[in-house]
């Protein structure tokens, strides 16, 4: 006998949001569960992009702090640090 491949989660939503969820599920011909899974996937993508933006900002701050003005200069520094 196979076990469940999903688990149930209960979520409380204000009535107006619930109506919108039901409407969108109907329009897209998806279950509310599938709509939530799709929304969660989009949320994860947004979080991943936010982390990349934060990393790029940190890199720009480090470049400025270390007075690195080009990718070539960064490559030179990395090779020095690595002993190459």
C-alpha atoms as a PDB file:
ATOM      1  CA  UNK A   1       0.000   0.000   0.000  1.00  0.00           C
ATOM      2  CA  UNK A   2       1.370   3.413  -0.965  1.00  0.00           C
ATOM      3  CA  UNK A   3       1.450   6.315   1.484  1.00  0.00           C
ATOM      4  CA  UNK A   4       0.052   9.745   0.792  1.00  0.00           C
ATOM      5  CA  UNK A   5       2.077  11.915  -1.519  1.00  0.00           C
ATOM      6  CA  UNK A   6       0.595  15.105  -0.093  1.00  0.00           C
ATOM      7  CA  UNK A   7      -0.236  16.546   3.288  1.00  0.00           C
ATOM      8  CA  UNK A   8      -3.187  18.717   4.239  1.00  0.00           C
ATOM      9  CA  UNK A   9      -2.792  22.264   5.502  1.00  0.00           C
ATOM     10  CA  UNK A  10      -5.541  24.535   6.785  1.00  0.00           C
ATOM     11  CA  UNK A  11      -5.294  28.232   5.991  1.00  0.00           C
ATOM     12  CA  UNK A  12      -7.521  31.035   7.256  1.00  0.00           C
ATOM     13  CA  UNK A  13      -8.275  33.804   4.764  1.00  0.00           C
ATOM     14  CA  UNK A  14     -10.505  36.855   4.883  1.00  0.00           C
ATOM     15  CA  UNK A  15     -13.718  36.236   2.908  1.00  0.00           C
ATOM     16  CA  UNK A  16     -12.794  38.670   0.109  1.00  0.00           C
ATOM     17  CA  UNK A  17      -9.454  36.929  -0.481  1.00  0.00           C
ATOM     18  CA  UNK A  18     -11.124  33.505  -0.387  1.00  0.00           C
ATOM     19  CA  UNK A  19     -13.624  34.643  -3.023  1.00  0.00           C
ATOM     20  CA  UNK A  20     -10.745  35.829  -5.202  1.00  0.00           C
ATOM     21  CA  UNK A  21      -8.886  32.526  -4.754  1.00  0.00           C
ATOM     22  CA  UNK A  22     -11.997  30.603  -5.760  1.00  0.00           C
ATOM     23  CA  UNK A  23     -12.595  32.908  -8.736  1.00  0.00           C
ATOM     24  CA  UNK A  24      -9.009  32.599  -9.976  1.00  0.00           C
ATOM     25  CA  UNK A  25      -9.023  28.817  -9.523  1.00  0.00           C
ATOM     26  CA  UNK A  26     -12.231  28.631 -11.537  1.00  0.00           C
ATOM     27  CA  UNK A  27     -10.880  30.894 -14.304  1.00  0.00           C
ATOM     28  CA  UNK A  28      -7.605  28.971 -14.543  1.00  0.00           C
ATOM     29  CA  UNK A  29      -9.401  25.636 -14.195  1.00  0.00           C
ATOM     30  CA  UNK A  30      -7.201  24.619 -11.286  1.00  0.00           C
ATOM     31  CA  UNK A  31      -7.920  23.351  -7.840  1.00  0.00           C
ATOM     32  CA  UNK A  32      -7.317  25.747  -4.967  1.00  0.00           C
ATOM     33  CA  UNK A  33      -4.495  23.432  -3.924  1.00  0.00           C
ATOM     34  CA  UNK A  34      -2.824  23.720  -7.332  1.00  0.00           C
ATOM     35  CA  UNK A  35      -3.311  27.483  -7.327  1.00  0.00           C
ATOM     36  CA  UNK A  36      -1.606  27.671  -3.921  1.00  0.00           C
ATOM     37  CA  UNK A  37       1.266  25.456  -5.116  1.00  0.00           C
ATOM     38  CA  UNK A  38       1.715  27.743  -8.132  1.00  0.00           C
ATOM     39  CA  UNK A  39       1.654  30.836  -5.903  1.00  0.00           C
ATOM     40  CA  UNK A  40       4.210  29.278  -3.571  1.00  0.00           C
ATOM     41  CA  UNK A  41       6.492  28.513  -6.525  1.00  0.00           C
ATOM     42  CA  UNK A  42       6.299  32.178  -7.565  1.00  0.00           C
ATOM     43  CA  UNK A  43       7.023  33.219  -3.967  1.00  0.00           C
ATOM     44  CA  UNK A  44      10.114  30.992  -3.888  1.00  0.00           C
ATOM     45  CA  UNK A  45      11.322  32.519  -7.171  1.00  0.00           C
ATOM     46  CA  UNK A  46      10.831  36.013  -5.746  1.00  0.00           C
ATOM     47  CA  UNK A  47      12.805  35.101  -2.622  1.00  0.00           C
ATOM     48  CA  UNK A  48      15.615  33.601  -4.725  1.00  0.00           C
ATOM     49  CA  UNK A  49      15.767  36.798  -6.809  1.00  0.00           C
ATOM     50  CA  UNK A  50      15.773  38.915  -3.641  1.00  0.00           C
ATOM     51  CA  UNK A  51      18.746  36.922  -2.296  1.00  0.00           C
ATOM     52  CA  UNK A  52      20.609  37.471  -5.589  1.00  0.00           C
ATOM     53  CA  UNK A  53      19.846  41.206  -5.441  1.00  0.00           C
ATOM     54  CA  UNK A  54      21.192  41.325  -1.883  1.00  0.00           C
ATOM     55  CA  UNK A  55      24.332  39.447  -2.949  1.00  0.00           C
ATOM     56  CA  UNK A  56      24.877  41.838  -5.879  1.00  0.00           C
ATOM     57  CA  UNK A  57      24.445  44.838  -3.570  1.00  0.00           C
ATOM     58  CA  UNK A  58      26.923  43.340  -1.102  1.00  0.00           C
ATOM     59  CA  UNK A  59      29.346  42.779  -3.967  1.00  0.00           C
ATOM     60  CA  UNK A  60      29.001  46.397  -5.119  1.00  0.00           C
ATOM     61  CA  UNK A  61      29.634  47.600  -1.561  1.00  0.00           C
ATOM     62  CA  UNK A  62      32.714  45.377  -1.307  1.00  0.00           C
ATOM     63  CA  UNK A  63      34.000  46.629  -4.680  1.00  0.00           C
ATOM     64  CA  UNK A  64      33.604  50.205  -3.486  1.00  0.00           C
ATOM     65  CA  UNK A  65      35.186  49.516  -0.076  1.00  0.00           C
ATOM     66  CA  UNK A  66      38.153  47.734  -1.684  1.00  0.00           C
ATOM     67  CA  UNK A  67      38.356  50.296  -4.506  1.00  0.00           C
ATOM     68  CA  UNK A  68      37.937  47.616  -7.194  1.00  0.00           C
ATOM     69  CA  UNK A  69      36.987  49.329 -10.448  1.00  0.00           C
ATOM     70  CA  UNK A  70      36.785  46.476 -12.975  1.00  0.00           C
ATOM     71  CA  UNK A  71      36.189  42.752 -13.385  1.00  0.00           C
ATOM     72  CA  UNK A  72      39.793  42.416 -14.574  1.00  0.00           C
ATOM     73  CA  UNK A  73      41.008  43.890 -11.300  1.00  0.00           C
ATOM     74  CA  UNK A  74      38.766  41.497  -9.369  1.00  0.00           C
ATOM     75  CA  UNK A  75      40.146  38.547 -11.359  1.00  0.00           C
ATOM     76  CA  UNK A  76      43.712  39.684 -10.594  1.00  0.00           C
ATOM     77  CA  UNK A  77      42.931  39.911  -6.863  1.00  0.00           C
ATOM     78  CA  UNK A  78      41.233  36.491  -6.830  1.00  0.00           C
ATOM     79  CA  UNK A  79      44.219  34.900  -8.578  1.00  0.00           C
ATOM     80  CA  UNK A  80      46.561  36.491  -6.034  1.00  0.00           C
ATOM     81  CA  UNK A  81      44.482  35.235  -3.109  1.00  0.00           C
ATOM     82  CA  UNK A  82      44.319  31.749  -4.601  1.00  0.00           C
ATOM     83  CA  UNK A  83      48.071  31.766  -5.209  1.00  0.00           C
ATOM     84  CA  UNK A  84      47.670  31.270  -8.942  1.00  0.00           C
END
